[in-house]
Amino acid sequence: MLKIIWDFINTNFFSALVTIVGASFVIYLYKKQKKEQKQRAAIILVNEIRNIEESIDIFRDSLREDPNRLELPEITILSENNWQKFSDLFSKDFDQDQIRKINKFYSDAARLSYIVTNANNMFIVNVYNRASAMQQANISLISSSANIEEAKSKINTFENILFDPNISKTPYVPQGFNSKLIKYLGDTEPILLTSIGEKLKKIANLS
């Protein structure tokens, strides 16, 4: 019996069988890893898209309440473009129209993120510059005064003028900035509740 088994092991057929089984196992592991990689990528994309859409809704609501507001919510719309990183994994899952919609969604999100970040940075810089200018003005008034009473009088006069409600104290914002931001927010179409989002959730095993 052992001789029969040994003879079988030494045959070309057994060698070919081992090769086929080994190759099949390697292919199975490769496909399994690719599937798991795609699933993890889909989970990341679903969460990222959800965060983007929720952030955009917050900005829409904020500007709907006050279209001329200067200080925007300090929220990052798009911190990292994971679609750019993982899109190759889904080339066979979406048609060209769907790919185009996803690309546009991320492009719009990137543009909004850039605009909002710069707007908030500009607001902070304007506030700092205003505070710095007020400090320098107070120092100048004090240094040009002969005594404390005169300095107090000058500073009081300065503050009365500065805080007059008829004098604009709002930081500079480029003309039409908010209206353009509102337009860009309106142009960004959500995709999570579309067939694109449903397919991503299915791949992520979240549906």
C-alpha atoms as a PDB file:
ATOM      1  CA  MET A   1       0.000   0.000   0.000  1.00  0.00           C
ATOM      2  CA  LEU A   2       2.775   2.393   0.930  1.00  0.00           C
ATOM      3  CA  LYS A   3       4.581   1.499  -2.296  1.00  0.00           C
ATOM      4  CA  ILE A   4       1.475   2.339  -4.324  1.00  0.00           C
ATOM      5  CA  ILE A   5       1.178   5.701  -2.569  1.00  0.00           C
ATOM      6  CA  TRP A   6       4.880   6.411  -3.037  1.00  0.00           C
ATOM      7  CA  ASP A   7       4.713   5.497  -6.712  1.00  0.00           C
ATOM      8  CA  PHE A   8       1.718   7.818  -7.098  1.00  0.00           C
ATOM      9  CA  ILE A   9       3.572  10.675  -5.410  1.00  0.00           C
ATOM     10  CA  ASN A  10       6.451  10.237  -7.856  1.00  0.00           C
ATOM     11  CA  THR A  11       4.214  10.434 -10.908  1.00  0.00           C
ATOM     12  CA  ASN A  12       3.985  13.488 -13.156  1.00  0.00           C
ATOM     13  CA  PHE A  13       0.260  13.554 -12.528  1.00  0.00           C
ATOM     14  CA  PHE A  14       0.757  14.112  -8.777  1.00  0.00           C
ATOM     15  CA  SER A  15       3.317  16.868  -9.451  1.00  0.00           C
ATOM     16  CA  ALA A  16       0.887  18.566 -11.817  1.00  0.00           C
ATOM     17  CA  LEU A  17      -1.929  18.155  -9.279  1.00  0.00           C
ATOM     18  CA  VAL A  18       0.150  19.741  -6.498  1.00  0.00           C
ATOM     19  CA  THR A  19       1.057  22.615  -8.828  1.00  0.00           C
ATOM     20  CA  ILE A  20      -2.583  23.198  -9.762  1.00  0.00           C
ATOM     21  CA  VAL A  21      -3.749  23.065  -6.125  1.00  0.00           C
ATOM     22  CA  GLY A  22      -0.951  25.396  -5.048  1.00  0.00           C
ATOM     23  CA  ALA A  23      -1.650  27.838  -7.851  1.00  0.00           C
ATOM     24  CA  SER A  24      -5.387  27.733  -7.112  1.00  0.00           C
ATOM     25  CA  PHE A  25      -4.744  28.505  -3.448  1.00  0.00           C
ATOM     26  CA  VAL A  26      -2.514  31.453  -4.355  1.00  0.00           C
ATOM     27  CA  ILE A  27      -5.184  32.780  -6.720  1.00  0.00           C
ATOM     28  CA  TYR A  28      -7.825  32.332  -4.005  1.00  0.00           C
ATOM     29  CA  LEU A  29      -5.731  34.256  -1.481  1.00  0.00           C
ATOM     30  CA  TYR A  30      -5.077  37.027  -4.025  1.00  0.00           C
ATOM     31  CA  LYS A  31      -8.783  37.407  -4.848  1.00  0.00           C
ATOM     32  CA  LYS A  32      -9.685  37.305  -1.158  1.00  0.00           C
ATOM     33  CA  GLN A  33      -7.164  40.041  -0.359  1.00  0.00           C
ATOM     34  CA  LYS A  34      -8.388  42.192  -3.271  1.00  0.00           C
ATOM     35  CA  LYS A  35     -11.991  41.767  -2.127  1.00  0.00           C
ATOM     36  CA  GLU A  36     -11.090  42.715   1.449  1.00  0.00           C
ATOM     37  CA  GLN A  37      -9.046  45.672   0.194  1.00  0.00           C
ATOM     38  CA  LYS A  38     -11.988  46.866  -1.916  1.00  0.00           C
ATOM     39  CA  GLN A  39     -14.364  46.425   1.022  1.00  0.00           C
ATOM     40  CA  ARG A  40     -12.134  48.489   3.323  1.00  0.00           C
ATOM     41  CA  ALA A  41     -11.796  51.156   0.625  1.00  0.00           C
ATOM     42  CA  ALA A  42     -15.581  51.233   0.145  1.00  0.00           C
ATOM     43  CA  ILE A  43     -16.115  51.692   3.904  1.00  0.00           C
ATOM     44  CA  ILE A  44     -13.661  54.614   3.894  1.00  0.00           C
ATOM     45  CA  LEU A  45     -15.382  56.198   0.875  1.00  0.00           C
ATOM     46  CA  VAL A  46     -18.892  55.813   2.311  1.00  0.00           C
ATOM     47  CA  ASN A  47     -17.822  57.488   5.569  1.00  0.00           C
ATOM     48  CA  GLU A  48     -15.918  60.209   3.722  1.00  0.00           C
ATOM     49  CA  ILE A  49     -18.829  60.990   1.382  1.00  0.00           C
ATOM     50  CA  ARG A  50     -21.227  61.075   4.344  1.00  0.00           C
ATOM     51  CA  ASN A  51     -18.955  63.525   6.197  1.00  0.00           C
ATOM     52  CA  ILE A  52     -18.626  65.720   3.109  1.00  0.00           C
ATOM     53  CA  GLU A  53     -22.380  65.861   2.567  1.00  0.00           C
ATOM     54  CA  GLU A  54     -23.069  66.578   6.254  1.00  0.00           C
ATOM     55  CA  SER A  55     -20.443  69.365   6.267  1.00  0.00           C
ATOM     56  CA  ILE A  56     -21.955  70.917   3.142  1.00  0.00           C
ATOM     57  CA  ASP A  57     -25.417  70.820   4.775  1.00  0.00           C
ATOM     58  CA  ILE A  58     -24.016  72.665   7.808  1.00  0.00           C
ATOM     59  CA  PHE A  59     -22.609  75.413   5.564  1.00  0.00           C
ATOM     60  CA  ARG A  60     -25.854  75.640   3.596  1.00  0.00           C
ATOM     61  CA  ASP A  61     -27.885  76.013   6.801  1.00  0.00           C
ATOM     62  CA  SER A  62     -25.413  78.549   8.193  1.00  0.00           C
ATOM     63  CA  LEU A  63     -25.580  80.762   5.091  1.00  0.00           C
ATOM     64  CA  ARG A  64     -29.338  80.277   4.785  1.00  0.00           C
ATOM     65  CA  GLU A  65     -29.726  81.825   8.242  1.00  0.00           C
ATOM     66  CA  ASP A  66     -27.391  84.718   7.394  1.00  0.00           C
ATOM     67  CA  PRO A  67     -26.257  84.988   3.733  1.00  0.00           C
ATOM     68  CA  ASN A  68     -23.868  87.821   4.657  1.00  0.00           C
ATOM     69  CA  ARG A  69     -22.165  86.168   7.619  1.00  0.00           C
ATOM     70  CA  LEU A  70     -18.390  86.591   7.698  1.00  0.00           C
ATOM     71  CA  GLU A  71     -17.352  83.838  10.080  1.00  0.00           C
ATOM     72  CA  LEU A  72     -18.042  80.405   8.621  1.00  0.00           C
ATOM     73  CA  PRO A  73     -18.210  77.141  10.607  1.00  0.00           C
ATOM     74  CA  GLU A  74     -14.708  75.818  11.224  1.00  0.00           C
ATOM     75  CA  ILE A  75     -15.290  72.473   9.530  1.00  0.00           C
ATOM     76  CA  THR A  76     -13.019  70.747   7.047  1.00  0.00           C
ATOM     77  CA  ILE A  77     -15.115  69.591   4.120  1.00  0.00           C
ATOM     78  CA  LEU A  78     -12.453  67.403   2.503  1.00  0.00           C
ATOM     79  CA  SER A  79      -9.326  66.544   4.466  1.00  0.00           C
ATOM     80  CA  GLU A  80      -8.148  63.795   2.100  1.00  0.00           C
ATOM     81  CA  ASN A  81      -9.353  62.710  -1.339  1.00  0.00           C
ATOM     82  CA  ASN A  82      -9.655  58.949  -0.857  1.00  0.00           C
ATOM     83  CA  TRP A  83     -11.512  58.521  -4.141  1.00  0.00           C
ATOM     84  CA  GLN A  84      -8.359  59.633  -5.912  1.00  0.00           C
ATOM     85  CA  LYS A  85      -6.480  56.951  -3.976  1.00  0.00           C
ATOM     86  CA  PHE A  86      -8.920  54.046  -4.446  1.00  0.00           C
ATOM     87  CA  SER A  87     -10.762  54.778  -7.715  1.00  0.00           C
ATOM     88  CA  ASP A  88      -8.867  52.089  -9.655  1.00  0.00           C
ATOM     89  CA  LEU A  89     -10.393  49.415  -7.400  1.00  0.00           C
ATOM     90  CA  PHE A  90     -13.892  50.355  -8.590  1.00  0.00           C
ATOM     91  CA  SER A  91     -13.286  50.814 -12.317  1.00  0.00           C
ATOM     92  CA  LYS A  92     -15.460  47.766 -13.116  1.00  0.00           C
ATOM     93  CA  ASP A  93     -18.190  48.577 -10.598  1.00  0.00           C
ATOM     94  CA  PHE A  94     -19.332  51.914 -12.028  1.00  0.00           C
ATOM     95  CA  ASP A  95     -20.093  53.037 -15.573  1.00  0.00           C
ATOM     96  CA  GLN A  96     -18.606  56.180 -17.118  1.00  0.00           C
ATOM     97  CA  ASP A  97     -21.529  58.403 -16.098  1.00  0.00           C
ATOM     98  CA  GLN A  98     -21.274  57.268 -12.487  1.00  0.00           C
ATOM     99  CA  ILE A  99     -17.503  57.749 -12.464  1.00  0.00           C
ATOM    100  CA  ARG A 100     -18.038  61.245 -13.857  1.00  0.00           C
ATOM    101  CA  LYS A 101     -20.515  62.063 -11.064  1.00  0.00           C
ATOM    102  CA  ILE A 102     -18.146  60.819  -8.370  1.00  0.00           C
ATOM    103  CA  ASN A 103     -15.255  62.800  -9.881  1.00  0.00           C
ATOM    104  CA  LYS A 104     -17.426  65.946  -9.991  1.00  0.00           C
ATOM    105  CA  PHE A 105     -18.575  65.429  -6.403  1.00  0.00           C
ATOM    106  CA  TYR A 106     -14.996  65.220  -5.134  1.00  0.00           C
ATOM    107  CA  SER A 107     -13.891  68.092  -7.346  1.00  0.00           C
ATOM    108  CA  ASP A 108     -16.692  70.284  -5.968  1.00  0.00           C
ATOM    109  CA  ALA A 109     -15.850  69.213  -2.407  1.00  0.00           C
ATOM    110  CA  ALA A 110     -12.169  70.076  -2.915  1.00  0.00           C
ATOM    111  CA  ARG A 111     -13.080  73.512  -4.304  1.00  0.00           C
ATOM    112  CA  LEU A 112     -15.450  74.240  -1.403  1.00  0.00           C
ATOM    113  CA  SER A 113     -12.886  73.058   1.135  1.00  0.00           C
ATOM    114  CA  TYR A 114     -10.272  75.384  -0.368  1.00  0.00           C
ATOM    115  CA  ILE A 115     -12.649  78.373  -0.401  1.00  0.00           C
ATOM    116  CA  VAL A 116     -13.900  77.854   3.158  1.00  0.00           C
ATOM    117  CA  THR A 117     -10.407  77.311   4.569  1.00  0.00           C
ATOM    118  CA  ASN A 118      -9.137  80.501   2.924  1.00  0.00           C
ATOM    119  CA  ALA A 119     -12.212  82.447   4.057  1.00  0.00           C
ATOM    120  CA  ASN A 120     -11.746  81.427   7.685  1.00  0.00           C
ATOM    121  CA  ASN A 121      -8.021  82.154   7.512  1.00  0.00           C
ATOM    122  CA  MET A 122      -8.752  85.575   6.024  1.00  0.00           C
ATOM    123  CA  PHE A 123     -11.296  86.314   8.775  1.00  0.00           C
ATOM    124  CA  ILE A 124      -8.788  85.385  11.495  1.00  0.00           C
ATOM    125  CA  VAL A 125      -6.078  87.534   9.865  1.00  0.00           C
ATOM    126  CA  ASN A 126      -8.472  90.492   9.574  1.00  0.00           C
ATOM    127  CA  VAL A 127      -9.478  90.217  13.226  1.00  0.00           C
ATOM    128  CA  TYR A 128      -5.823  90.014  14.283  1.00  0.00           C
ATOM    129  CA  ASN A 129      -4.870  93.000  12.100  1.00  0.00           C
ATOM    130  CA  ARG A 130      -7.761  95.015  13.521  1.00  0.00           C
ATOM    131  CA  ALA A 131      -6.738  94.220  17.112  1.00  0.00           C
ATOM    132  CA  SER A 132      -3.125  95.050  16.313  1.00  0.00           C
ATOM    133  CA  ALA A 133      -4.106  98.385  14.707  1.00  0.00           C
ATOM    134  CA  MET A 134      -6.212  99.322  17.738  1.00  0.00           C
ATOM    135  CA  GLN A 135      -3.319  98.531  20.052  1.00  0.00           C
ATOM    136  CA  GLN A 136      -0.920 100.634  17.974  1.00  0.00           C
ATOM    137  CA  ALA A 137      -3.440 103.501  17.919  1.00  0.00           C
ATOM    138  CA  ASN A 138      -3.768 103.407  21.717  1.00  0.00           C
ATOM    139  CA  ILE A 139       0.016 103.389  22.116  1.00  0.00           C
ATOM    140  CA  SER A 140       0.284 106.367  19.771  1.00  0.00           C
ATOM    141  CA  LEU A 141      -2.382 108.285  21.704  1.00  0.00           C
ATOM    142  CA  ILE A 142      -0.719 107.554  25.024  1.00  0.00           C
ATOM    143  CA  SER A 143       2.776 108.495  23.806  1.00  0.00           C
ATOM    144  CA  SER A 144       1.507 111.822  22.428  1.00  0.00           C
ATOM    145  CA  SER A 145      -0.242 112.755  25.672  1.00  0.00           C
ATOM    146  CA  ALA A 146       1.278 115.064  28.281  1.00  0.00           C
ATOM    147  CA  ASN A 147      -0.277 113.203  31.208  1.00  0.00           C
ATOM    148  CA  ILE A 148      -2.572 110.305  32.170  1.00  0.00           C
ATOM    149  CA  GLU A 149      -5.750 112.394  32.125  1.00  0.00           C
ATOM    150  CA  GLU A 150      -5.040 113.601  28.595  1.00  0.00           C
ATOM    151  CA  ALA A 151      -4.282 110.004  27.488  1.00  0.00           C
ATOM    152  CA  LYS A 152      -7.585 108.773  28.986  1.00  0.00           C
ATOM    153  CA  SER A 153      -9.480 111.558  27.262  1.00  0.00           C
ATOM    154  CA  LYS A 154      -7.925 110.778  23.869  1.00  0.00           C
ATOM    155  CA  ILE A 155      -8.541 107.037  24.235  1.00  0.00           C
ATOM    156  CA  ASN A 156     -12.186 107.634  25.234  1.00  0.00           C
ATOM    157  CA  THR A 157     -12.694 109.857  22.201  1.00  0.00           C
ATOM    158  CA  PHE A 158     -11.033 107.270  19.973  1.00  0.00           C
ATOM    159  CA  GLU A 159     -13.229 104.450  21.343  1.00  0.00           C
ATOM    160  CA  ASN A 160     -16.411 106.504  20.984  1.00  0.00           C
ATOM    161  CA  ILE A 161     -15.609 107.025  17.316  1.00  0.00           C
ATOM    162  CA  LEU A 162     -14.456 103.448  16.827  1.00  0.00           C
ATOM    163  CA  PHE A 163     -17.593 101.893  18.298  1.00  0.00           C
ATOM    164  CA  ASP A 164     -20.026 104.269  16.655  1.00  0.00           C
ATOM    165  CA  PRO A 165     -22.768 102.047  15.103  1.00  0.00           C
ATOM    166  CA  ASN A 166     -22.687 104.148  11.935  1.00  0.00           C
ATOM    167  CA  ILE A 167     -19.062 103.202  11.274  1.00  0.00           C
ATOM    168  CA  SER A 168     -18.442  99.832   9.664  1.00  0.00           C
ATOM    169  CA  LYS A 169     -16.130  97.588  11.626  1.00  0.00           C
ATOM    170  CA  THR A 170     -16.598  94.404   9.632  1.00  0.00           C
ATOM    171  CA  PRO A 171     -13.466  92.760   8.239  1.00  0.00           C
ATOM    172  CA  TYR A 172     -12.907  92.949   4.516  1.00  0.00           C
ATOM    173  CA  VAL A 173     -14.520  90.230   2.415  1.00  0.00           C
ATOM    174  CA  PRO A 174     -14.217  90.177  -1.406  1.00  0.00           C
ATOM    175  CA  GLN A 175     -17.387  91.412  -3.097  1.00  0.00           C
ATOM    176  CA  GLY A 176     -19.773  88.587  -3.980  1.00  0.00           C
ATOM    177  CA  PHE A 177     -17.812  86.018  -1.966  1.00  0.00           C
ATOM    178  CA  ASN A 178     -20.776  84.622  -0.041  1.00  0.00           C
ATOM    179  CA  SER A 179     -23.055  84.559  -3.087  1.00  0.00           C
ATOM    180  CA  LYS A 180     -20.452  82.550  -4.988  1.00  0.00           C
ATOM    181  CA  LEU A 181     -20.024  80.189  -2.050  1.00  0.00           C
ATOM    182  CA  ILE A 182     -23.795  79.676  -1.863  1.00  0.00           C
ATOM    183  CA  LYS A 183     -23.823  78.934  -5.599  1.00  0.00           C
ATOM    184  CA  TYR A 184     -20.983  76.394  -5.286  1.00  0.00           C
ATOM    185  CA  LEU A 185     -22.776  74.740  -2.368  1.00  0.00           C
ATOM    186  CA  GLY A 186     -25.904  74.481  -4.508  1.00  0.00           C
ATOM    187  CA  ASP A 187     -23.981  73.025  -7.441  1.00  0.00           C
ATOM    188  CA  THR A 188     -22.615  70.141  -5.346  1.00  0.00           C
ATOM    189  CA  GLU A 189     -24.981  67.198  -5.769  1.00  0.00           C
ATOM    190  CA  PRO A 190     -25.100  64.542  -3.016  1.00  0.00           C
ATOM    191  CA  ILE A 191     -24.379  60.978  -4.144  1.00  0.00           C
ATOM    192  CA  LEU A 192     -24.682  58.815  -1.038  1.00  0.00           C
ATOM    193  CA  LEU A 193     -28.426  58.202  -1.488  1.00  0.00           C
ATOM    194  CA  THR A 194     -28.105  57.550  -5.217  1.00  0.00           C
ATOM    195  CA  SER A 195     -27.330  54.261  -6.967  1.00  0.00           C
ATOM    196  CA  ILE A 196     -23.645  55.147  -6.566  1.00  0.00           C
ATOM    197  CA  GLY A 197     -23.903  55.291  -2.792  1.00  0.00           C
ATOM    198  CA  GLU A 198     -26.021  52.140  -2.655  1.00  0.00           C
ATOM    199  CA  LYS A 199     -23.429  50.225  -4.674  1.00  0.00           C
ATOM    200  CA  LEU A 200     -20.597  51.448  -2.463  1.00  0.00           C
ATOM    201  CA  LYS A 201     -22.541  50.407   0.650  1.00  0.00           C
ATOM    202  CA  LYS A 202     -23.147  46.990  -0.872  1.00  0.00           C
ATOM    203  CA  ILE A 203     -19.427  46.523  -1.611  1.00  0.00           C
ATOM    204  CA  ALA A 204     -18.644  47.726   1.915  1.00  0.00           C
ATOM    205  CA  ASN A 205     -21.203  45.267   3.255  1.00  0.00           C
ATOM    206  CA  LEU A 206     -23.035  48.133   4.965  1.00  0.00           C
ATOM    207  CA  SER A 207     -26.408  47.760   3.256  1.00  0.00           C
END
